[in-house]
Protein backbone atom coordinates (compact mmCIF):
# COMPACT_ATOMS: atom_id res chain seq x y z
CA UNK A 1 69.67 87.99 138.22
CA UNK A 2 73.49 87.74 138.32
CA UNK A 3 75.89 89.33 135.86
CA UNK A 4 76.87 85.92 134.45
CA UNK A 5 73.21 85.09 133.80
CA UNK A 6 72.67 88.48 132.17
CA UNK A 7 74.96 87.72 129.21
CA UNK A 8 74.92 84.40 127.38
CA UNK A 9 78.45 83.69 126.04
CA UNK A 10 77.63 80.50 124.14
CA UNK A 11 76.20 81.23 120.67
CA UNK A 12 73.06 79.35 119.65
CA UNK A 13 74.45 78.59 116.17
CA UNK A 14 77.31 76.54 117.60
CA UNK A 15 74.82 74.46 119.61
CA UNK A 16 72.88 73.65 116.44
CA UNK A 17 76.06 72.50 114.71
CA UNK A 18 76.99 70.29 117.64
CA UNK A 19 73.57 68.71 117.58
CA UNK A 20 73.88 67.93 113.88
CA UNK A 21 77.33 66.46 114.45
CA UNK A 22 78.97 68.80 111.95
CA UNK A 23 82.52 69.96 112.64
CA UNK A 24 83.57 73.50 111.83
CA UNK A 25 86.65 73.94 109.68
CA UNK A 26 89.57 75.58 111.53
CA UNK A 27 89.65 79.30 110.82
CA UNK A 28 92.65 80.81 109.08
CA UNK A 29 92.59 83.92 111.26
CA UNK A 30 92.67 84.21 115.04
CA UNK A 31 90.44 86.64 116.91
CA UNK A 32 91.68 89.92 118.37
CA UNK A 33 90.09 91.56 121.41
CA UNK A 34 88.15 94.68 120.42
CA UNK A 35 89.11 96.51 123.63
CA UNK A 36 92.75 95.60 124.43
CA UNK A 37 93.74 94.46 120.87
CA UNK A 38 95.50 91.35 122.15
CA UNK A 39 95.37 88.28 119.88
CA UNK A 40 93.72 85.05 120.93
CA UNK A 41 97.00 83.26 121.60
CA UNK A 42 97.89 85.90 124.23
CA UNK A 43 94.53 86.77 125.81
CA UNK A 44 92.97 83.31 125.70
CA UNK A 45 89.54 82.24 124.45
CA UNK A 46 87.40 85.08 123.13
CA UNK A 47 83.74 85.85 123.90
CA UNK A 48 81.65 86.58 120.81
CA UNK A 49 78.96 89.27 121.00
CA UNK A 50 76.51 90.26 118.26
CA UNK A 51 78.02 92.23 115.42
CA UNK A 52 81.02 89.84 114.99
CA UNK A 53 82.84 91.52 117.89
CA UNK A 54 85.32 89.55 120.01
CA UNK A 55 86.15 90.48 123.61
CA UNK A 56 88.58 88.62 125.87
CA UNK A 57 87.47 87.35 129.25
CA UNK A 58 89.68 89.83 131.15
CA UNK A 59 88.10 92.85 129.43
CA UNK A 60 84.62 91.39 129.90
CA UNK A 61 85.25 90.89 133.62
CA UNK A 62 86.58 94.44 133.97
CA UNK A 63 83.42 95.70 132.28
CA UNK A 64 81.21 93.81 134.73
CA UNK A 65 83.30 95.01 137.68
CA UNK A 66 82.89 98.61 136.51
CA UNK A 67 79.14 98.15 136.14
CA UNK A 68 78.92 96.64 139.62
CA UNK A 69 80.57 99.67 141.22
CA UNK A 70 78.23 102.12 139.50
CA UNK A 71 75.16 103.38 141.40
CA UNK A 72 73.24 102.47 138.28
CA UNK A 73 74.61 98.93 138.30
CA UNK A 74 72.97 96.16 136.35
CA UNK A 75 71.76 94.32 139.50
CA UNK A 76 69.93 97.39 140.77
CA UNK A 77 68.57 98.17 137.35
CA UNK A 78 67.30 94.65 136.78
CA UNK A 79 65.81 94.60 140.30
CA UNK A 80 63.74 97.66 139.57
CA UNK A 81 62.71 96.43 136.10
CA UNK A 82 61.83 92.75 136.63
CA UNK A 83 60.05 92.43 133.28
CA UNK A 84 63.33 92.98 131.32
CA UNK A 85 65.21 89.72 130.82
CA UNK A 86 67.83 90.67 128.24
CA UNK A 87 69.30 93.63 126.40
CA UNK A 88 69.76 93.71 122.62
CA UNK A 89 73.47 94.33 121.89
CA UNK A 90 73.14 94.41 118.11
CA UNK A 91 73.15 98.20 118.25
CA UNK A 92 76.83 98.08 119.15
CA UNK A 93 77.74 97.18 115.59
CA UNK A 94 76.48 100.55 114.31
CA UNK A 95 79.42 102.89 113.97
CA UNK A 96 81.91 100.21 114.98
CA UNK A 97 85.14 100.28 112.94
CA UNK A 98 86.38 97.14 111.26
CA UNK A 99 88.03 94.78 113.72
CA UNK A 100 91.47 93.59 112.67
CA UNK A 101 92.37 89.90 112.70
CA UNK A 102 95.74 88.15 112.64
CA UNK A 103 96.52 85.05 110.65
CA UNK A 104 96.99 82.02 112.84
CA UNK A 105 100.44 80.52 113.06
CA UNK A 106 100.96 77.29 111.22
CA UNK A 107 101.30 74.18 113.28
CA UNK A 108 104.83 73.45 114.38
CA UNK A 109 104.80 70.01 112.76
CA UNK A 110 104.01 71.55 109.35
CA UNK A 111 107.05 73.82 109.43
CA UNK A 112 110.48 72.13 109.40
CA UNK A 113 113.35 73.48 111.43
CA UNK A 114 115.98 75.63 109.78
CA UNK A 115 118.40 73.42 107.90
CA UNK A 116 121.88 74.68 107.05
CA UNK A 117 122.11 72.17 104.20
CA UNK A 118 119.42 74.11 102.34
CA UNK A 119 121.71 77.19 102.21
CA UNK A 120 124.14 77.07 99.26
CA UNK A 121 127.88 77.35 99.95
CA UNK A 122 129.59 80.67 99.07
CA UNK A 123 130.94 79.67 95.66
CA UNK A 124 127.49 78.47 94.56
CA UNK A 125 125.89 81.70 95.80
CA UNK A 126 128.42 83.71 93.78
CA UNK A 127 127.90 81.50 90.71
CA UNK A 128 124.18 82.22 90.85
CA UNK A 129 124.82 85.95 91.23
CA UNK A 130 127.14 85.80 88.20
CA UNK A 131 124.18 84.77 86.04
CA UNK A 132 122.35 88.01 86.80
CA UNK A 133 124.97 90.59 87.87
CA UNK A 134 127.87 91.64 85.63
CA UNK A 135 131.17 92.56 87.28
CA UNK A 136 131.32 93.50 90.99
CA UNK A 137 133.46 90.44 91.73
CA UNK A 138 134.61 91.65 95.15
CA UNK A 139 131.11 92.68 96.23
CA UNK A 140 129.60 89.34 95.17
CA UNK A 141 132.30 87.42 97.02
CA UNK A 142 131.86 89.48 100.21
CA UNK A 143 128.06 89.11 100.14
CA UNK A 144 128.23 85.35 99.50
CA UNK A 145 130.53 84.71 102.46
CA UNK A 146 128.62 87.07 104.78
CA UNK A 147 125.24 85.51 104.00
CA UNK A 148 126.54 81.96 104.38
CA UNK A 149 128.17 82.80 107.72
CA UNK A 150 124.98 84.52 108.88
CA UNK A 151 122.81 81.47 108.29
CA UNK A 152 125.45 79.23 109.86
CA UNK A 153 125.03 81.46 112.90
CA UNK A 154 121.24 81.04 112.77
CA UNK A 155 121.55 77.25 112.59
CA UNK A 156 124.23 76.95 115.28
CA UNK A 157 122.85 79.31 117.93
CA UNK A 158 125.10 79.24 121.01
CA UNK A 159 127.49 76.33 120.60
CA UNK A 160 130.05 75.44 123.31
CA UNK A 161 129.50 78.84 124.89
CA UNK A 162 130.57 80.64 121.70
CA UNK A 163 128.01 82.98 120.13
CA UNK A 164 128.71 84.18 116.60
CA UNK A 165 128.00 87.87 116.05
CA UNK A 166 125.83 89.20 113.23
CA UNK A 167 127.45 90.03 109.90
CA UNK A 168 125.43 93.09 108.90
CA UNK A 169 126.70 94.82 105.76
CA UNK A 170 127.13 98.39 104.52
CA UNK A 171 127.54 98.62 100.74
CA UNK A 172 128.59 101.83 99.02
CA UNK A 173 128.27 102.31 95.30
CA UNK A 174 127.31 104.85 92.66
CA UNK A 175 123.75 104.94 91.37
CA UNK A 176 122.92 102.19 88.88
CA UNK A 177 125.77 99.92 89.98
CA UNK A 178 123.45 97.11 91.09
CA UNK A 179 123.08 97.42 94.89
CA UNK A 180 119.35 96.72 95.11
CA UNK A 181 119.45 94.23 92.25
CA UNK A 182 122.09 92.10 94.01
CA UNK A 183 120.03 91.94 97.22
CA UNK A 184 116.85 90.99 95.31
CA UNK A 185 118.70 88.23 93.46
CA UNK A 186 120.23 86.98 96.71
CA UNK A 187 116.88 86.75 98.50
CA UNK A 188 115.30 84.95 95.53
CA UNK A 189 118.16 82.43 95.54
CA UNK A 190 117.90 81.71 99.29
CA UNK A 191 114.07 81.70 99.33
CA UNK A 192 113.86 83.86 102.46
CA UNK A 193 111.59 86.84 103.19
CA UNK A 194 113.03 90.14 101.96
CA UNK A 195 111.94 93.66 102.85
CA UNK A 196 113.32 96.60 100.88
CA UNK A 197 112.72 99.96 102.52
CA UNK A 198 113.88 103.51 101.99
CA UNK A 199 115.65 105.35 104.79
CA UNK A 200 114.39 108.73 103.53
CA UNK A 201 110.89 108.05 104.89
CA UNK A 202 112.07 107.16 108.42
CA UNK A 203 111.72 109.73 111.19
CA UNK A 204 112.05 109.87 114.94
CA UNK A 205 109.06 108.49 116.87
CA UNK A 206 106.30 111.07 117.22
CA UNK A 207 106.97 112.93 113.96
CA UNK A 208 105.31 112.68 110.57
CA UNK A 209 106.78 109.78 108.65
CA UNK A 210 107.38 106.06 109.18
CA UNK A 211 108.53 104.86 112.59
CA UNK A 212 111.81 102.97 112.72
CA UNK A 213 110.01 99.71 113.57
CA UNK A 214 108.20 99.92 110.21
CA UNK A 215 111.20 98.25 108.51
CA UNK A 216 110.49 95.12 110.57
CA UNK A 217 106.75 95.43 109.88
CA UNK A 218 107.46 95.29 106.13
CA UNK A 219 109.51 92.13 106.62
CA UNK A 220 106.65 90.59 108.60
CA UNK A 221 104.28 91.37 105.74
CA UNK A 222 106.71 89.76 103.26
CA UNK A 223 106.65 86.62 105.42
CA UNK A 224 102.81 86.50 105.40
CA UNK A 225 102.72 87.55 109.07
CA UNK A 226 104.67 84.43 110.07
CA UNK A 227 106.87 85.69 112.92
CA UNK A 228 109.27 82.71 112.95
CA UNK A 229 109.92 82.99 109.20
CA UNK A 230 110.34 86.77 109.40
CA UNK A 231 112.95 86.37 112.15
CA UNK A 232 115.22 84.61 109.61
CA UNK A 233 114.75 87.13 106.80
CA UNK A 234 116.75 89.95 105.22
CA UNK A 235 116.08 93.68 105.51
CA UNK A 236 117.67 95.97 102.93
CA UNK A 237 117.66 99.65 103.88
CA UNK A 238 118.38 101.70 100.78
CA UNK A 239 119.46 105.36 100.66
CA UNK A 240 121.14 104.95 104.05
CA UNK A 241 123.32 107.99 103.30
CA UNK A 242 120.23 110.21 103.58
CA UNK A 243 120.14 109.76 107.39
CA UNK A 244 123.63 111.18 107.87
CA UNK A 245 124.02 113.92 110.45
CA UNK A 246 123.01 117.30 109.09
CA UNK A 247 125.78 119.86 109.17
CA UNK A 248 125.47 123.51 110.18
CA UNK A 249 121.87 123.32 111.31
CA UNK A 250 120.19 124.68 114.42
CA UNK A 251 116.94 122.73 113.94
CA UNK A 252 116.11 119.37 115.51
CA UNK A 253 117.39 116.58 113.27
CA UNK A 254 114.41 114.17 113.30
CA UNK A 255 115.41 112.25 110.15
CA UNK A 256 119.18 112.09 110.56
CA UNK A 257 121.19 111.22 113.65
CA UNK A 258 118.09 110.35 115.70
CA UNK A 259 117.10 107.70 113.11
CA UNK A 260 120.61 106.22 113.28
CA UNK A 261 120.30 105.95 117.05
CA UNK A 262 116.88 104.35 116.75
CA UNK A 263 118.23 101.72 114.36
CA UNK A 264 120.93 100.63 116.79
CA UNK A 265 118.72 98.23 118.75
CA UNK A 266 117.35 96.69 115.53
CA UNK A 267 120.79 96.10 114.03
CA UNK A 268 122.20 94.52 117.18
CA UNK A 269 119.16 92.41 117.99
CA UNK A 270 116.19 93.19 120.21
CA UNK A 271 112.56 92.27 120.72
CA UNK A 272 110.39 95.00 119.25
CA UNK A 273 106.64 95.36 119.02
CA UNK A 274 105.59 96.04 115.45
CA UNK A 275 102.15 96.74 113.97
CA UNK A 276 100.64 94.14 111.68
CA UNK A 277 99.72 95.54 108.27
CA UNK A 278 100.54 99.17 109.06
CA UNK A 279 103.57 101.45 109.17
CA UNK A 280 102.74 103.17 112.47
CA UNK A 281 101.30 102.15 115.80
CA UNK A 282 97.74 103.06 116.70
CA UNK A 283 94.96 101.77 118.91
CA UNK A 284 93.16 99.80 116.17
CA UNK A 285 96.18 97.86 114.83
CA UNK A 286 97.18 94.54 116.47
CA UNK A 287 100.79 94.24 117.61
CA UNK A 288 103.21 91.32 117.53
CA UNK A 289 106.69 90.91 119.01
CA UNK A 290 109.56 90.21 116.61
CA UNK A 291 113.12 89.38 117.66
CA UNK A 292 115.66 90.93 115.27
CA UNK A 293 118.58 88.88 116.57
CA UNK A 294 118.67 86.60 113.50
CA UNK A 295 117.58 89.15 110.90
CA UNK A 296 120.33 90.11 108.44
CA UNK A 297 120.51 93.85 107.79
CA UNK A 298 122.08 95.15 104.57
CA UNK A 299 122.39 98.92 104.23
CA UNK A 300 123.24 100.59 100.94
CA UNK A 301 123.69 104.08 99.61
CA UNK A 302 125.37 106.11 96.87
CA UNK A 303 127.02 108.53 99.34
CA UNK A 304 127.47 111.46 96.96
CA UNK A 305 130.53 113.65 97.61
CA UNK A 306 132.17 110.84 99.60
CA UNK A 307 134.86 110.79 96.92
CA UNK A 308 136.00 114.26 98.00
CA UNK A 309 136.46 113.06 101.59
CA UNK A 310 138.49 110.07 100.36
CA UNK A 311 140.64 112.31 98.12
CA UNK A 312 141.27 114.71 101.00
CA UNK A 313 142.47 111.86 103.22
CA UNK A 314 144.68 110.37 100.52
CA UNK A 315 146.24 113.74 99.69
CA UNK A 316 147.08 114.36 103.34
CA UNK A 317 148.83 111.00 103.50
CA UNK A 318 151.15 111.95 100.60
CA UNK A 319 154.59 113.21 101.62
CA UNK A 320 156.19 116.56 100.84
CA UNK A 321 159.20 116.71 98.51
CA UNK A 322 160.34 115.60 95.10
CA UNK A 323 158.67 112.19 95.41
CA UNK A 324 155.37 113.56 96.71
CA UNK A 325 152.15 112.63 94.93
CA UNK A 326 150.39 115.30 92.90
CA UNK A 327 147.13 116.71 94.33
CA UNK A 328 145.22 115.80 91.17
CA UNK A 329 146.46 112.21 91.16
CA UNK A 330 143.05 110.80 92.19
CA UNK A 331 140.84 113.24 90.25
CA UNK A 332 140.42 110.98 87.21
CA UNK A 333 140.18 107.70 89.14
CA UNK A 334 136.70 106.27 88.65
CA UNK A 335 136.77 103.62 91.36
CA UNK A 336 138.10 105.76 94.19
CA UNK A 337 135.21 104.50 96.36
CA UNK A 338 137.08 101.17 96.56
CA UNK A 339 139.57 102.95 98.87
CA UNK A 340 136.88 103.87 101.43
CA UNK A 341 137.47 103.18 105.13
CA UNK A 342 135.25 103.54 108.20
CA UNK A 343 136.73 106.95 109.09
CA UNK A 344 135.60 108.36 105.74
CA UNK A 345 132.00 107.25 106.30
CA UNK A 346 132.08 108.60 109.87
CA UNK A 347 133.27 111.97 108.58
CA UNK A 348 130.43 111.89 106.05
CA UNK A 349 127.93 111.95 108.94
CA UNK A 350 127.33 108.39 110.16
CA UNK A 351 127.74 108.01 113.93
CA UNK A 352 130.38 105.54 115.25
CA UNK A 353 127.78 103.42 117.12
CA UNK A 354 125.89 102.87 113.88
CA UNK A 355 129.00 101.91 111.90
CA UNK A 356 130.09 99.56 114.69
CA UNK A 357 126.99 97.46 114.10
CA UNK A 358 127.77 97.18 110.36
CA UNK A 359 131.11 95.33 110.52
CA UNK A 360 131.31 94.48 106.80
CA UNK A 361 132.03 97.56 104.66
CA UNK A 362 132.60 97.30 100.90
CA UNK A 363 132.18 99.40 97.79
CA UNK A 364 130.88 98.58 94.32
CA UNK A 365 132.69 99.54 91.14
CA UNK A 366 131.35 102.14 88.76
CA UNK A 367 130.32 100.51 85.48
CA UNK A 368 132.76 100.92 82.59
CA UNK A 369 131.80 100.91 78.90
CA UNK A 370 132.74 97.24 78.49
CA UNK A 371 130.71 96.30 81.59
CA UNK A 372 127.68 98.18 80.23
CA UNK A 373 127.96 96.25 76.95
CA UNK A 374 127.93 93.00 78.92
CA UNK A 375 124.96 94.20 80.99
CA UNK A 376 123.05 94.71 77.74
CA UNK A 377 123.47 91.17 76.45
CA UNK A 378 124.83 88.64 78.99
CA UNK A 379 122.55 88.34 82.08
CA UNK A 380 119.66 85.90 82.10
CA UNK A 381 117.11 88.70 81.92
CA UNK A 382 119.23 91.14 79.89
CA UNK A 383 117.45 94.11 78.31
CA UNK A 384 118.23 92.95 74.77
CA UNK A 385 116.82 89.48 75.51
CA UNK A 386 113.61 91.12 76.71
CA UNK A 387 113.18 93.00 73.41
CA UNK A 388 114.07 89.89 71.42
CA UNK A 389 111.34 87.97 73.23
CA UNK A 390 108.81 90.74 72.57
CA UNK A 391 109.53 90.75 68.83
CA UNK A 392 109.64 86.95 68.70
CA UNK A 393 105.96 87.00 69.61
CA UNK A 394 105.44 88.80 66.28
CA UNK A 395 107.69 86.18 64.59
CA UNK A 396 110.42 88.76 64.00
CA UNK A 397 114.10 88.19 64.84
CA UNK A 398 116.01 91.07 66.49
CA UNK A 399 119.80 91.41 66.36
CA UNK A 400 122.31 94.06 67.50
CA UNK A 401 125.68 94.75 65.91
CA UNK A 402 128.66 94.88 68.31
CA UNK A 403 129.41 98.48 67.33
CA UNK A 404 125.80 99.41 68.10
CA UNK A 405 126.10 97.93 71.61
CA UNK A 406 129.26 99.97 72.29
CA UNK A 407 127.54 103.09 71.01
CA UNK A 408 124.60 102.52 73.38
CA UNK A 409 126.98 101.91 76.30
CA UNK A 410 128.87 105.13 75.52
CA UNK A 411 125.65 107.15 75.55
CA UNK A 412 124.64 105.55 78.85
CA UNK A 413 127.99 106.34 80.44
CA UNK A 414 127.59 110.01 79.53
CA UNK A 415 124.33 110.15 81.47
CA UNK A 416 126.14 108.98 84.66
CA UNK A 417 123.14 106.94 85.79
CA UNK A 418 124.71 103.49 85.57
CA UNK A 419 122.75 100.55 84.17
CA UNK A 420 119.47 102.45 84.56
CA UNK A 421 120.38 104.65 81.60
CA UNK A 422 120.52 101.65 79.24
CA UNK A 423 116.79 101.04 79.38
CA UNK A 424 115.96 104.70 78.73
CA UNK A 425 118.23 104.81 75.66
CA UNK A 426 116.88 101.56 74.22
CA UNK A 427 113.28 102.67 74.74
CA UNK A 428 114.02 105.76 72.67
CA UNK A 429 115.45 103.83 69.70
CA UNK A 430 113.07 100.87 69.86
CA UNK A 431 109.90 102.97 69.95
CA UNK A 432 109.51 103.38 66.16
CA UNK A 433 110.51 99.76 65.51
CA UNK A 434 107.98 98.38 67.98
CA UNK A 435 105.32 100.65 66.44
CA UNK A 436 105.96 99.87 62.77
CA UNK A 437 106.71 96.13 62.79
CA UNK A 438 103.17 94.92 63.63
CA UNK A 439 101.93 96.80 60.51
CA UNK A 440 103.89 94.61 58.06
CA UNK A 441 103.70 90.82 58.31
CA UNK A 442 106.46 90.40 55.70
CA UNK A 443 109.27 91.66 58.00
CA UNK A 444 111.36 88.73 59.25
CA UNK A 445 114.43 90.29 60.84
CA UNK A 446 115.57 93.66 62.23
CA UNK A 447 119.23 94.50 62.80
CA UNK A 448 120.16 97.51 64.95
CA UNK A 449 123.24 99.20 63.47
CA UNK A 450 125.69 101.76 64.83
CA UNK A 451 124.52 104.31 62.24
CA UNK A 452 120.98 104.06 63.60
CA UNK A 453 122.19 104.68 67.17
CA UNK A 454 124.36 107.59 66.02
CA UNK A 455 121.42 109.13 64.14
CA UNK A 456 122.99 108.97 60.64
CA UNK A 457 121.14 105.91 59.35
CA UNK A 458 118.36 103.46 60.02
CA UNK A 459 117.95 99.86 61.15
CA UNK A 460 118.52 97.04 58.65
CA UNK A 461 115.23 95.37 57.71
CA UNK A 462 115.22 91.86 56.25
CA UNK A 463 112.03 90.52 54.64
CA UNK A 464 110.82 86.94 54.88
CA UNK A 465 111.96 84.55 52.13
CA UNK A 466 108.43 83.69 51.04
CA UNK A 467 107.60 87.36 50.37
CA UNK A 468 110.52 88.01 48.04
């Protein structure tokens, strides 16, 4: 009995379906070889064995070749035991780990080519950002132009021998100034896959933590494992200042300079193998190849203490004499980050090769009291509008006096946490109101006053007209 006759590769169930004339629906997932972990589109047609296990023809042939070389080969064994005609392989499924599958790619005809006309022009991108983000005019203008130019590059490719370089961005801004929020709004507007990751969890390959390729794996997951769609997405790496070179250390820097060096190939554009549905590579996770050439990278960070480096540079540039600038000239300037240059970031601890792949550098403004007041009330999903909608479900109208808004903004500015402090302050003052209002159906309107925010009074309650 030959090795091919020993194992029947054609399932009986499929024969029955063919006889009945029934057609199987196309499966959503493609098979992955249990031994080499290659997907069906790479390894070819799979052989099904009992226990829902798929093996590619190459691995099956290698298995037979190995058995043929053994002194206890299958031919010799079957020759000595002529009464045995088959071996039950169902025992293989006991103790077998779950076999991963990959979603099949959609047909090319179902997915249209990238169309530049679907990308809004810069002034429309900025107008959409204005509806959600208060202030930051320079940052919104820079991001709108950079994103539009990036997708023009994706649509054009290499035209007349001219290849447009990537417009990766590095944004610097204090905490709560809207860095992550702007990127989320931008991705929602463009309808492209977005992956937001934290640089603090990245480490050099071989150490505990996420591998550098995991940032691309998250983008692939956001694109529903569609490689072509992921290759036109956006990756936002937050807390990028946390991978700066460590100073005065004798230990190996596995989460600093080495991570910057590992990110170089991703930022510039390279084909990398990334795990599907996992943050690290292992034998049981299928791999796919993703080209990062057309992926837009946006890096952001607060860069604490960068102001001191900027002040030191500006003070050195001042002349000596009667017209010299005072050393404390920049101490009270809130938006000194707007004066940042590449040399300041390099001195902070970012290597020159890394900064060279982030050609667009800009800083966000720190939020003033007037900007915080606008953040409270003006955006589409402003915090005040959220509370007004919550109380409207109880048929109660909520209003804020202008002086109360300024008082809330002043308290938030003292916390030095940007727009994030607004929510914490409002939660504190709205707690009792949200608790007491559902008790009384006669309340029709609540007005938040400055005295209530200052702690010397209470909110103004207006009863319904029918209950008077």
